[in-house]
PDB file of N, CA and C in Angstrom:
ATOM      1  N   MET A   1      -3.196  16.021  -0.730  1.00  0.00           N
ATOM      2  CA  MET A   1      -3.909  16.214  -1.421  1.00  0.00           C
ATOM      3  C   MET A   1      -4.473  16.630  -2.565  1.00  0.00           C
ATOM      4  N   ASN A   2      -5.254  16.111  -2.796  1.00  0.00           N
ATOM      5  CA  ASN A   2      -5.630  17.046  -4.699  1.00  0.00           C
ATOM      6  C   ASN A   2      -7.379  17.206  -4.425  1.00  0.00           C
ATOM      7  N   GLU A   3      -8.125  17.865  -5.395  1.00  0.00           N
ATOM      8  CA  GLU A   3      -9.053  18.489  -5.075  1.00  0.00           C
ATOM      9  C   GLU A   3     -10.378  17.855  -4.904  1.00  0.00           C
ATOM     10  N   ARG A   4      -9.769  16.057  -5.786  1.00  0.00           N
ATOM     11  CA  ARG A   4     -11.002  15.122  -5.069  1.00  0.00           C
ATOM     12  C   ARG A   4     -11.139  14.430  -3.535  1.00  0.00           C
ATOM     13  N   ASP A   5      -9.986  14.731  -3.118  1.00  0.00           N
ATOM     14  CA  ASP A   5      -9.575  14.586  -1.766  1.00  0.00           C
ATOM     15  C   ASP A   5     -10.092  15.410  -0.788  1.00  0.00           C
ATOM     16  N   ASP A   6     -10.322  16.608  -1.496  1.00  0.00           N
ATOM     17  CA  ASP A   6     -10.817  17.310  -0.414  1.00  0.00           C
ATOM     18  C   ASP A   6     -11.953  17.069   0.391  1.00  0.00           C
ATOM     19  N   ILE A   7     -12.985  17.153  -0.753  1.00  0.00           N
ATOM     20  CA  ILE A   7     -14.650  16.524  -0.382  1.00  0.00           C
ATOM     21  C   ILE A   7     -14.550  15.408   1.267  1.00  0.00           C
ATOM     22  N   ILE A   8     -14.377  14.135   0.723  1.00  0.00           N
ATOM     23  CA  ILE A   8     -13.431  14.055   1.480  1.00  0.00           C
ATOM     24  C   ILE A   8     -13.641  13.554   2.626  1.00  0.00           C
ATOM     25  N   GLN A   9     -11.697  14.299   3.289  1.00  0.00           N
ATOM     26  CA  GLN A   9     -11.365  14.227   4.062  1.00  0.00           C
ATOM     27  C   GLN A   9     -12.457  15.788   4.986  1.00  0.00           C
ATOM     28  N   ALA A  10     -13.032  16.940   4.570  1.00  0.00           N
ATOM     29  CA  ALA A  10     -13.937  17.422   4.802  1.00  0.00           C
ATOM     30  C   ALA A  10     -15.189  16.528   6.239  1.00  0.00           C
ATOM     31  N   VAL A  11     -15.820  15.871   4.975  1.00  0.00           N
ATOM     32  CA  VAL A  11     -16.551  15.039   4.869  1.00  0.00           C
ATOM     33  C   VAL A  11     -16.337  14.557   6.517  1.00  0.00           C
ATOM     34  N   TYR A  12     -15.362  13.801   5.963  1.00  0.00           N
ATOM     35  CA  TYR A  12     -14.957  12.770   6.828  1.00  0.00           C
ATOM     36  C   TYR A  12     -13.821  14.099   8.655  1.00  0.00           C
ATOM     37  N   GLN A  13     -13.839  14.561   8.145  1.00  0.00           N
ATOM     38  CA  GLN A  13     -13.408  15.738   9.811  1.00  0.00           C
ATOM     39  C   GLN A  13     -14.587  16.087  10.493  1.00  0.00           C
ATOM     40  N   VAL A  14     -15.644  16.358   9.419  1.00  0.00           N
ATOM     41  CA  VAL A  14     -17.312  16.384  10.024  1.00  0.00           C
ATOM     42  C   VAL A  14     -17.551  15.966  10.521  1.00  0.00           C
ATOM     43  N   ILE A  15     -17.181  13.954  10.364  1.00  0.00           N
ATOM     44  CA  ILE A  15     -17.826  13.160  11.460  1.00  0.00           C
ATOM     45  C   ILE A  15     -17.827  12.678  12.114  1.00  0.00           C
ATOM     46  N   LEU A  16     -16.249  12.989  12.197  1.00  0.00           N
ATOM     47  CA  LEU A  16     -14.975  13.392  13.537  1.00  0.00           C
ATOM     48  C   LEU A  16     -15.821  13.904  14.844  1.00  0.00           C
ATOM     49  N   ASP A  17     -15.571  15.270  14.517  1.00  0.00           N
ATOM     50  CA  ASP A  17     -16.761  16.043  15.150  1.00  0.00           C
ATOM     51  C   ASP A  17     -17.531  16.399  15.823  1.00  0.00           C
ATOM     52  N   ARG A  18     -19.017  15.035  15.133  1.00  0.00           N
ATOM     53  CA  ARG A  18     -19.947  14.611  15.018  1.00  0.00           C
ATOM     54  C   ARG A  18     -19.476  13.340  16.116  1.00  0.00           C
ATOM     55  N   LYS A  19     -18.254  12.899  15.986  1.00  0.00           N
ATOM     56  CA  LYS A  19     -18.278  11.793  17.351  1.00  0.00           C
ATOM     57  C   LYS A  19     -17.744  11.997  18.171  1.00  0.00           C
ATOM     58  N   ASN A  20     -16.819  13.274  18.189  1.00  0.00           N
ATOM     59  CA  ASN A  20     -15.938  13.771  19.461  1.00  0.00           C
ATOM     60  C   ASN A  20     -16.754  14.488  20.793  1.00  0.00           C
ATOM     61  N   ASN A  21     -17.783  14.989  19.542  1.00  0.00           N
ATOM     62  CA  ASN A  21     -19.444  16.022  19.638  1.00  0.00           C
ATOM     63  C   ASN A  21     -19.910  16.253  19.999  1.00  0.00           C
ATOM     64  N   PRO A  22     -20.700  14.743  20.266  1.00  0.00           N
ATOM     65  CA  PRO A  22     -22.215  14.337  20.255  1.00  0.00           C
ATOM     66  C   PRO A  22     -23.510  16.085  20.619  1.00  0.00           C
ATOM     67  N   THR A  23     -24.580  15.673  19.237  1.00  0.00           N
ATOM     68  CA  THR A  23     -25.135  17.204  19.397  1.00  0.00           C
ATOM     69  C   THR A  23     -26.808  16.162  20.133  1.00  0.00           C
ATOM     70  N   GLU A  24     -27.501  16.191  20.135  1.00  0.00           N
ATOM     71  CA  GLU A  24     -29.190  15.330  20.237  1.00  0.00           C
ATOM     72  C   GLU A  24     -29.378  15.420  18.826  1.00  0.00           C
ATOM     73  N   ASN A  25     -29.079  16.361  17.649  1.00  0.00           N
ATOM     74  CA  ASN A  25     -29.271  17.137  16.776  1.00  0.00           C
ATOM     75  C   ASN A  25     -28.553  16.310  15.401  1.00  0.00           C
ATOM     76  N   SER A  26     -27.913  14.830  15.827  1.00  0.00           N
ATOM     77  CA  SER A  26     -26.764  14.951  14.363  1.00  0.00           C
ATOM     78  C   SER A  26     -27.753  13.480  13.724  1.00  0.00           C
ATOM     79  N   TYR A  27     -27.488  13.392  12.882  1.00  0.00           N
ATOM     80  CA  TYR A  27     -27.490  12.062  12.086  1.00  0.00           C
ATOM     81  C   TYR A  27     -26.629  10.857  12.673  1.00  0.00           C
ATOM     82  N   THR A  28     -25.225  12.036  12.118  1.00  0.00           N
ATOM     83  CA  THR A  28     -24.010  11.931  12.458  1.00  0.00           C
ATOM     84  C   THR A  28     -23.615  10.519  13.853  1.00  0.00           C
ATOM     85  N   ALA A  29     -23.863  11.076  15.484  1.00  0.00           N
ATOM     86  CA  ALA A  29     -23.339  11.479  15.747  1.00  0.00           C
ATOM     87  C   ALA A  29     -24.118  10.090  17.195  1.00  0.00           C
ATOM     88  N   SER A  30     -25.423  10.028  16.348  1.00  0.00           N
ATOM     89  CA  SER A  30     -26.592   9.397  16.815  1.00  0.00           C
ATOM     90  C   SER A  30     -26.222   7.483  16.213  1.00  0.00           C
ATOM     91  N   LEU A  31     -25.830   7.840  14.766  1.00  0.00           N
ATOM     92  CA  LEU A  31     -24.790   6.380  14.493  1.00  0.00           C
ATOM     93  C   LEU A  31     -23.987   5.913  15.095  1.00  0.00           C
ATOM     94  N   MET A  32     -22.922   6.698  15.639  1.00  0.00           N
ATOM     95  CA  MET A  32     -22.006   6.670  16.558  1.00  0.00           C
ATOM     96  C   MET A  32     -22.053   6.140  17.938  1.00  0.00           C
ATOM     97  N   HIS A  33     -23.608   6.722  19.284  1.00  0.00           N
ATOM     98  CA  HIS A  33     -24.109   5.800  19.479  1.00  0.00           C
ATOM     99  C   HIS A  33     -24.693   4.687  19.670  1.00  0.00           C
ATOM    100  N   LYS A  34     -25.376   4.468  18.526  1.00  0.00           N
ATOM    101  CA  LYS A  34     -25.989   3.343  18.474  1.00  0.00           C
ATOM    102  C   LYS A  34     -25.079   2.092  18.319  1.00  0.00           C
ATOM    103  N   GLY A  35     -23.820   2.606  17.725  1.00  0.00           N
ATOM    104  CA  GLY A  35     -22.793   1.522  17.541  1.00  0.00           C
ATOM    105  C   GLY A  35     -22.310   1.009  16.300  1.00  0.00           C
ATOM    106  N   ILE A  36     -21.267  -0.138  16.937  1.00  0.00           N
ATOM    107  CA  ILE A  36     -21.077  -0.485  14.904  1.00  0.00           C
ATOM    108  C   ILE A  36     -21.656  -1.187  14.258  1.00  0.00           C
ATOM    109  N   ASP A  37     -23.078  -2.695  15.121  1.00  0.00           N
ATOM    110  CA  ASP A  37     -23.795  -2.915  14.429  1.00  0.00           C
ATOM    111  C   ASP A  37     -25.127  -1.960  13.245  1.00  0.00           C
ATOM    112  N   LYS A  38     -25.487  -1.030  14.204  1.00  0.00           N
ATOM    113  CA  LYS A  38     -25.729   0.014  12.848  1.00  0.00           C
ATOM    114  C   LYS A  38     -26.035   0.743  12.309  1.00  0.00           C
ATOM    115  N   ILE A  39     -23.951   1.177  12.422  1.00  0.00           N
ATOM    116  CA  ILE A  39     -23.456   1.414  10.716  1.00  0.00           C
ATOM    117  C   ILE A  39     -23.435   0.728  10.301  1.00  0.00           C
ATOM    118  N   LEU A  40     -22.684  -0.568   9.977  1.00  0.00           N
ATOM    119  CA  LEU A  40     -22.684  -1.331   9.760  1.00  0.00           C
ATOM    120  C   LEU A  40     -24.234  -1.602   8.602  1.00  0.00           C
ATOM    121  N   LYS A  41     -25.443  -1.898   9.631  1.00  0.00           N
ATOM    122  CA  LYS A  41     -26.921  -2.456   8.677  1.00  0.00           C
ATOM    123  C   LYS A  41     -26.860  -0.794   8.053  1.00  0.00           C
ATOM    124  N   LYS A  42     -26.110   0.377   8.268  1.00  0.00           N
ATOM    125  CA  LYS A  42     -26.445   1.509   6.745  1.00  0.00           C
ATOM    126  C   LYS A  42     -26.379   1.316   6.213  1.00  0.00           C
ATOM    127  N   VAL A  43     -23.937   0.869   6.186  1.00  0.00           N
ATOM    128  CA  VAL A  43     -23.503   0.508   4.582  1.00  0.00           C
ATOM    129  C   VAL A  43     -24.174  -0.191   4.068  1.00  0.00           C
ATOM    130  N   GLY A  44     -24.580  -1.726   4.911  1.00  0.00           N
ATOM    131  CA  GLY A  44     -25.478  -2.692   3.653  1.00  0.00           C
ATOM    132  C   GLY A  44     -26.970  -2.358   3.097  1.00  0.00           C
ATOM    133  N   GLU A  45     -27.207  -1.877   3.674  1.00  0.00           N
ATOM    134  CA  GLU A  45     -28.974  -1.267   3.349  1.00  0.00           C
ATOM    135  C   GLU A  45     -28.869  -0.007   1.929  1.00  0.00           C
ATOM    136  N   GLU A  46     -27.499   1.208   2.148  1.00  0.00           N
ATOM    137  CA  GLU A  46     -27.285   1.820   0.714  1.00  0.00           C
ATOM    138  C   GLU A  46     -26.527   0.723   0.490  1.00  0.00           C
ATOM    139  N   ALA A  47     -25.357  -0.049   0.160  1.00  0.00           N
ATOM    140  CA  ALA A  47     -24.352  -0.639  -0.964  1.00  0.00           C
ATOM    141  C   ALA A  47     -26.569  -1.111  -1.505  1.00  0.00           C
ATOM    142  N   THR A  48     -27.054  -2.045  -1.256  1.00  0.00           N
ATOM    143  CA  THR A  48     -28.087  -2.625  -1.566  1.00  0.00           C
ATOM    144  C   THR A  48     -29.279  -1.973  -2.545  1.00  0.00           C
ATOM    145  N   GLU A  49     -29.018  -0.187  -1.610  1.00  0.00           N
ATOM    146  CA  GLU A  49     -29.700   1.134  -2.872  1.00  0.00           C
ATOM    147  C   GLU A  49     -29.264   1.424  -3.853  1.00  0.00           C
ATOM    148  N   VAL A  50     -26.988   1.492  -4.147  1.00  0.00           N
ATOM    149  CA  VAL A  50     -27.053   1.551  -4.789  1.00  0.00           C
ATOM    150  C   VAL A  50     -26.999   0.103  -5.952  1.00  0.00           C
ATOM    151  N   VAL A  51     -26.827  -0.801  -5.565  1.00  0.00           N
ATOM    152  CA  VAL A  51     -27.544  -1.802  -6.211  1.00  0.00           C
ATOM    153  C   VAL A  51     -29.052  -1.824  -7.362  1.00  0.00           C
ATOM    154  N   ILE A  52     -29.549  -1.742  -6.821  1.00  0.00           N
ATOM    155  CA  ILE A  52     -30.961  -0.668  -6.782  1.00  0.00           C
ATOM    156  C   ILE A  52     -31.351  -0.225  -7.912  1.00  0.00           C
ATOM    157  N   ALA A  53     -30.712   1.078  -7.622  1.00  0.00           N
ATOM    158  CA  ALA A  53     -30.849   2.361  -8.359  1.00  0.00           C
ATOM    159  C   ALA A  53     -29.714   1.636  -9.890  1.00  0.00           C
ATOM    160  N   ALA A  54     -28.367   0.646  -9.766  1.00  0.00           N
ATOM    161  CA  ALA A  54     -27.368   1.079 -11.468  1.00  0.00           C
ATOM    162  C   ALA A  54     -28.474  -0.141 -12.358  1.00  0.00           C
ATOM    163  N   LYS A  55     -28.799  -0.458 -11.332  1.00  0.00           N
ATOM    164  CA  LYS A  55     -29.922  -1.677 -12.102  1.00  0.00           C
ATOM    165  C   LYS A  55     -31.587  -0.999 -12.625  1.00  0.00           C
ATOM    166  N   GLY A  56     -32.487  -0.509 -12.052  1.00  0.00           N
ATOM    167  CA  GLY A  56     -32.669   0.539 -12.637  1.00  0.00           C
ATOM    168  C   GLY A  56     -32.648   1.506 -13.672  1.00  0.00           C
ATOM    169  N   GLY A  57     -30.775   2.154 -14.368  1.00  0.00           N
ATOM    170  CA  GLY A  57     -29.893   2.959 -14.684  1.00  0.00           C
ATOM    171  C   GLY A  57     -30.807   4.391 -14.539  1.00  0.00           C
ATOM    172  N   LYS A  58     -30.744   4.560 -14.086  1.00  0.00           N
ATOM    173  CA  LYS A  58     -31.013   5.744 -13.992  1.00  0.00           C
ATOM    174  C   LYS A  58     -30.198   6.569 -12.816  1.00  0.00           C
ATOM    175  N   ARG A  59     -29.268   7.392 -14.033  1.00  0.00           N
ATOM    176  CA  ARG A  59     -27.341   7.691 -13.526  1.00  0.00           C
ATOM    177  C   ARG A  59     -27.491   8.965 -12.808  1.00  0.00           C
ATOM    178  N   ASP A  60     -28.990   9.590 -11.999  1.00  0.00           N
ATOM    179  CA  ASP A  60     -29.036  10.586 -10.752  1.00  0.00           C
ATOM    180  C   ASP A  60     -29.657   9.922  -9.830  1.00  0.00           C
ATOM    181  N   GLU A  61     -30.026   8.953  -9.388  1.00  0.00           N
ATOM    182  CA  GLU A  61     -30.698   8.486  -8.517  1.00  0.00           C
ATOM    183  C   GLU A  61     -29.071   7.511  -7.858  1.00  0.00           C
ATOM    184  N   ILE A  62     -28.434   6.860  -8.597  1.00  0.00           N
ATOM    185  CA  ILE A  62     -27.213   6.414  -8.286  1.00  0.00           C
ATOM    186  C   ILE A  62     -25.898   7.318  -8.099  1.00  0.00           C
ATOM    187  N   VAL A  63     -26.638   8.225  -8.701  1.00  0.00           N
ATOM    188  CA  VAL A  63     -25.473   9.159  -7.915  1.00  0.00           C
ATOM    189  C   VAL A  63     -25.801   9.579  -6.190  1.00  0.00           C
ATOM    190  N   TYR A  64     -26.604   9.512  -6.177  1.00  0.00           N
ATOM    191  CA  TYR A  64     -27.345  10.017  -5.169  1.00  0.00           C
ATOM    192  C   TYR A  64     -27.293   9.268  -4.270  1.00  0.00           C
ATOM    193  N   GLU A  65     -27.465   7.703  -4.338  1.00  0.00           N
ATOM    194  CA  GLU A  65     -27.283   6.165  -3.109  1.00  0.00           C
ATOM    195  C   GLU A  65     -26.052   5.752  -3.640  1.00  0.00           C
ATOM    196  N   THR A  66     -24.987   5.732  -3.957  1.00  0.00           N
ATOM    197  CA  THR A  66     -23.885   6.277  -3.553  1.00  0.00           C
ATOM    198  C   THR A  66     -23.194   7.047  -3.742  1.00  0.00           C
ATOM    199  N   SER A  67     -23.541   8.210  -3.006  1.00  0.00           N
ATOM    200  CA  SER A  67     -22.899   9.208  -2.283  1.00  0.00           C
ATOM    201  C   SER A  67     -23.922   8.948  -0.648  1.00  0.00           C
ATOM    202  N   ASP A  68     -24.818   8.378  -0.110  1.00  0.00           N
ATOM    203  CA  ASP A  68     -25.504   7.674   0.015  1.00  0.00           C
ATOM    204  C   ASP A  68     -24.248   6.814   0.972  1.00  0.00           C
ATOM    205  N   LEU A  69     -24.464   5.631   0.135  1.00  0.00           N
ATOM    206  CA  LEU A  69     -22.199   5.007   0.716  1.00  0.00           C
ATOM    207  C   LEU A  69     -21.552   5.610   0.664  1.00  0.00           C
ATOM    208  N   VAL A  70     -21.153   6.031   0.650  1.00  0.00           N
ATOM    209  CA  VAL A  70     -19.328   6.501   0.677  1.00  0.00           C
ATOM    210  C   VAL A  70     -19.754   7.317   2.188  1.00  0.00           C
ATOM    211  N   PHE A  71     -20.894   8.470   2.518  1.00  0.00           N
ATOM    212  CA  PHE A  71     -20.830   8.498   3.991  1.00  0.00           C
ATOM    213  C   PHE A  71     -20.922   7.989   4.579  1.00  0.00           C
ATOM    214  N   HIS A  72     -21.699   6.477   4.202  1.00  0.00           N
ATOM    215  CA  HIS A  72     -21.748   5.759   5.674  1.00  0.00           C
ATOM    216  C   HIS A  72     -20.250   4.952   5.951  1.00  0.00           C
ATOM    217  N   LEU A  73     -20.096   4.352   4.612  1.00  0.00           N
ATOM    218  CA  LEU A  73     -18.822   3.754   4.704  1.00  0.00           C
ATOM    219  C   LEU A  73     -17.704   5.553   5.425  1.00  0.00           C
ATOM    220  N   LEU A  74     -17.316   6.110   5.555  1.00  0.00           N
ATOM    221  CA  LEU A  74     -16.950   7.536   5.898  1.00  0.00           C
ATOM    222  C   LEU A  74     -17.240   7.422   7.564  1.00  0.00           C
ATOM    223  N   VAL A  75     -18.561   7.349   7.512  1.00  0.00           N
ATOM    224  CA  VAL A  75     -18.819   6.752   9.725  1.00  0.00           C
ATOM    225  C   VAL A  75     -17.889   6.266   9.577  1.00  0.00           C
ATOM    226  N   LEU A  76     -18.110   4.225   9.323  1.00  0.00           N
ATOM    227  CA  LEU A  76     -17.288   3.515   9.747  1.00  0.00           C
ATOM    228  C   LEU A  76     -15.988   4.232  10.107  1.00  0.00           C
ATOM    229  N   LEU A  77     -15.553   4.152   8.777  1.00  0.00           N
ATOM    230  CA  LEU A  77     -14.106   4.165   8.959  1.00  0.00           C
ATOM    231  C   LEU A  77     -13.831   5.315   9.422  1.00  0.00           C
ATOM    232  N   GLY A  78     -14.598   6.410  10.247  1.00  0.00           N
ATOM    233  CA  GLY A  78     -14.298   7.592  11.578  1.00  0.00           C
ATOM    234  C   GLY A  78     -14.555   6.609  12.988  1.00  0.00           C
ATOM    235  N   TYR A  79     -15.520   5.892  12.840  1.00  0.00           N
ATOM    236  CA  TYR A  79     -16.049   4.785  14.076  1.00  0.00           C
ATOM    237  C   TYR A  79     -15.121   4.111  14.438  1.00  0.00           C
ATOM    238  N   CYS A  80     -14.058   3.690  13.247  1.00  0.00           N
ATOM    239  CA  CYS A  80     -12.929   3.046  13.607  1.00  0.00           C
ATOM    240  C   CYS A  80     -11.634   3.480  13.296  1.00  0.00           C
ATOM    241  N   ASP A  81     -11.546   5.060  13.927  1.00  0.00           N
ATOM    242  CA  ASP A  81     -10.177   5.848  13.865  1.00  0.00           C
ATOM    243  C   ASP A  81      -9.487   5.073  12.596  1.00  0.00           C
ATOM    244  N   ILE A  82      -9.648   5.262  11.070  1.00  0.00           N
ATOM    245  CA  ILE A  82      -9.180   4.945  10.248  1.00  0.00           C
ATOM    246  C   ILE A  82      -9.370   6.086   9.383  1.00  0.00           C
ATOM    247  N   PRO A  83      -8.081   7.286   9.183  1.00  0.00           N
ATOM    248  CA  PRO A  83      -8.260   8.024   7.540  1.00  0.00           C
ATOM    249  C   PRO A  83      -9.019   7.397   6.906  1.00  0.00           C
ATOM    250  N   PRO A  84      -9.651   8.478   5.546  1.00  0.00           N
ATOM    251  CA  PRO A  84      -9.257   7.812   4.451  1.00  0.00           C
ATOM    252  C   PRO A  84      -8.025   8.507   3.524  1.00  0.00           C
ATOM    253  N   GLU A  85      -7.546   8.603   3.721  1.00  0.00           N
ATOM    254  CA  GLU A  85      -5.358   8.209   3.632  1.00  0.00           C
ATOM    255  C   GLU A  85      -5.494   7.596   3.330  1.00  0.00           C
ATOM    256  N   GLU A  86      -5.264   6.222   4.657  1.00  0.00           N
ATOM    257  CA  GLU A  86      -5.526   4.485   4.639  1.00  0.00           C
ATOM    258  C   GLU A  86      -5.691   3.958   3.670  1.00  0.00           C
ATOM    259  N   ILE A  87      -6.605   4.623   2.719  1.00  0.00           N
ATOM    260  CA  ILE A  87      -7.415   3.728   1.574  1.00  0.00           C
ATOM    261  C   ILE A  87      -6.979   3.868   0.478  1.00  0.00           C
ATOM    262  N   PHE A  88      -7.093   5.833   0.598  1.00  0.00           N
ATOM    263  CA  PHE A  88      -5.748   6.243  -0.680  1.00  0.00           C
ATOM    264  C   PHE A  88      -5.246   5.286  -0.596  1.00  0.00           C
ATOM    265  N   ALA A  89      -4.193   5.325   0.074  1.00  0.00           N
ATOM    266  CA  ALA A  89      -2.264   4.869  -0.043  1.00  0.00           C
ATOM    267  C   ALA A  89      -2.733   2.978  -0.489  1.00  0.00           C
ATOM    268  N   GLU A  90      -3.937   2.839  -0.158  1.00  0.00           N
ATOM    269  CA  GLU A  90      -3.867   0.960  -0.282  1.00  0.00           C
ATOM    270  C   GLU A  90      -5.075   0.560  -2.450  1.00  0.00           C
ATOM    271  N   LEU A  91      -5.361   1.849  -2.555  1.00  0.00           N
ATOM    272  CA  LEU A  91      -5.844   1.814  -3.543  1.00  0.00           C
ATOM    273  C   LEU A  91      -4.472   2.375  -4.383  1.00  0.00           C
ATOM    274  N   ARG A  92      -3.379   3.342  -3.793  1.00  0.00           N
ATOM    275  CA  ARG A  92      -2.477   3.792  -4.701  1.00  0.00           C
ATOM    276  C   ARG A  92      -1.683   2.565  -4.721  1.00  0.00           C
ATOM    277  N   ARG A  93      -1.812   2.071  -3.748  1.00  0.00           N
ATOM    278  CA  ARG A  93      -0.363   0.278  -4.424  1.00  0.00           C
ATOM    279  C   ARG A  93      -1.392  -0.421  -5.317  1.00  0.00           C
ATOM    280  N   ARG A  94      -2.029  -0.674  -5.523  1.00  0.00           N
ATOM    281  CA  ARG A  94      -3.235  -1.969  -5.738  1.00  0.00           C
ATOM    282  C   ARG A  94      -2.644  -0.772  -7.794  1.00  0.00           C
ATOM    283  N   PHE A  95      -3.110   0.607  -7.881  1.00  0.00           N
ATOM    284  CA  PHE A  95      -3.061   1.185  -8.919  1.00  0.00           C
ATOM    285  C   PHE A  95      -2.062   0.349  -9.666  1.00  0.00           C
ATOM    286  N   GLY A  96      -2.774   0.072 -11.515  1.00  0.00           N
ATOM    287  CA  GLY A  96      -1.396  -0.945 -11.811  1.00  0.00           C
ATOM    288  C   GLY A  96      -1.370  -2.294 -11.901  1.00  0.00           C
ATOM    289  N   MET A  97      -2.340  -2.598 -10.903  1.00  0.00           N
ATOM    290  CA  MET A  97      -1.563  -4.304 -10.267  1.00  0.00           C
ATOM    291  C   MET A  97      -3.051  -5.283 -10.971  1.00  0.00           C
ATOM    292  N   SER A  98      -2.798  -6.368 -10.931  1.00  0.00           N
ATOM    293  CA  SER A  98      -3.934  -6.757 -11.974  1.00  0.00           C
ATOM    294  C   SER A  98      -4.823  -7.679 -10.303  1.00  0.00           C
ATOM    295  N   GLY A  99      -6.260  -7.676 -10.939  1.00  0.00           N
ATOM    296  CA  GLY A  99      -6.955  -8.122  -9.095  1.00  0.00           C
ATOM    297  C   GLY A  99      -6.519  -9.418  -8.910  1.00  0.00           C
ATOM    298  N   ILE A 100      -5.860  -9.855  -9.663  1.00  0.00           N
ATOM    299  CA  ILE A 100      -5.664 -11.344  -9.432  1.00  0.00           C
ATOM    300  C   ILE A 100      -4.421 -11.464  -9.021  1.00  0.00           C
ATOM    301  N   GLU A 101      -3.546 -10.659  -9.538  1.00  0.00           N
ATOM    302  CA  GLU A 101      -1.923 -10.166  -8.889  1.00  0.00           C
ATOM    303  C   GLU A 101      -2.303  -9.293  -6.966  1.00  0.00           C
ATOM    304  N   GLU A 102      -3.799  -8.786  -7.116  1.00  0.00           N
ATOM    305  CA  GLU A 102      -3.739  -7.940  -5.730  1.00  0.00           C
ATOM    306  C   GLU A 102      -3.534  -9.320  -5.152  1.00  0.00           C
ATOM    307  N   LYS A 103      -4.924 -10.144  -5.230  1.00  0.00           N
ATOM    308  CA  LYS A 103      -5.562 -10.722  -4.222  1.00  0.00           C
ATOM    309  C   LYS A 103      -3.962 -11.739  -3.822  1.00  0.00           C
ATOM    310  N   ASN A 104      -3.415 -11.808  -4.995  1.00  0.00           N
ATOM    311  CA  ASN A 104      -2.102 -12.718  -4.171  1.00  0.00           C
ATOM    312  C   ASN A 104      -0.687 -12.450  -3.714  1.00  0.00           C
ATOM    313  N   SER A 105      -0.956 -10.733  -3.480  1.00  0.00           N
ATOM    314  CA  SER A 105       0.106 -10.064  -3.627  1.00  0.00           C
ATOM    315  C   SER A 105      -0.199 -10.238  -1.532  1.00  0.00           C
ATOM    316  N   ARG A 106      -1.788 -10.537  -1.019  1.00  0.00           N
ATOM    317  CA  ARG A 106      -2.317 -10.268   0.467  1.00  0.00           C
ATOM    318  C   ARG A 106      -1.697 -11.485   0.886  1.00  0.00           C
ATOM    319  N   PRO A 107      -1.315 -11.051   2.483  1.00  0.00           N
ATOM    320  CA  PRO A 107      -0.790 -12.084   2.808  1.00  0.00           C
ATOM    321  C   PRO A 107      -2.088 -13.705   2.892  1.00  0.00           C
ATOM    322  N   ALA A 108      -1.524 -14.548   3.632  1.00  0.00           N
ATOM    323  CA  ALA A 108      -2.491 -15.747   4.013  1.00  0.00           C
ATOM    324  C   ALA A 108      -3.638 -15.982   4.912  1.00  0.00           C
TER     325      ALA A 108
END
């Protein structure tokens, strides 16, 4: 694990803790309790906010909204019991491959 992975892994571990040990005042636990549809709605909302921020061109807003999106993606992964390492492994597999080549390598 490298330094960039550390914060992702740390946040993911907190998300899993909130999933497994929910408390009333935990935003993450409330998302987990509300289920997949609520989590997916938040991912969609945050993705839209990233698009709007990028269109506006304000660097700080892009960083802030992208952080929100990454967080909610990690909540989704935690809900589905998919560790971030699986995403990293897939990105490593694709690295150096053209997008067209990668798409063609997927099972039909």
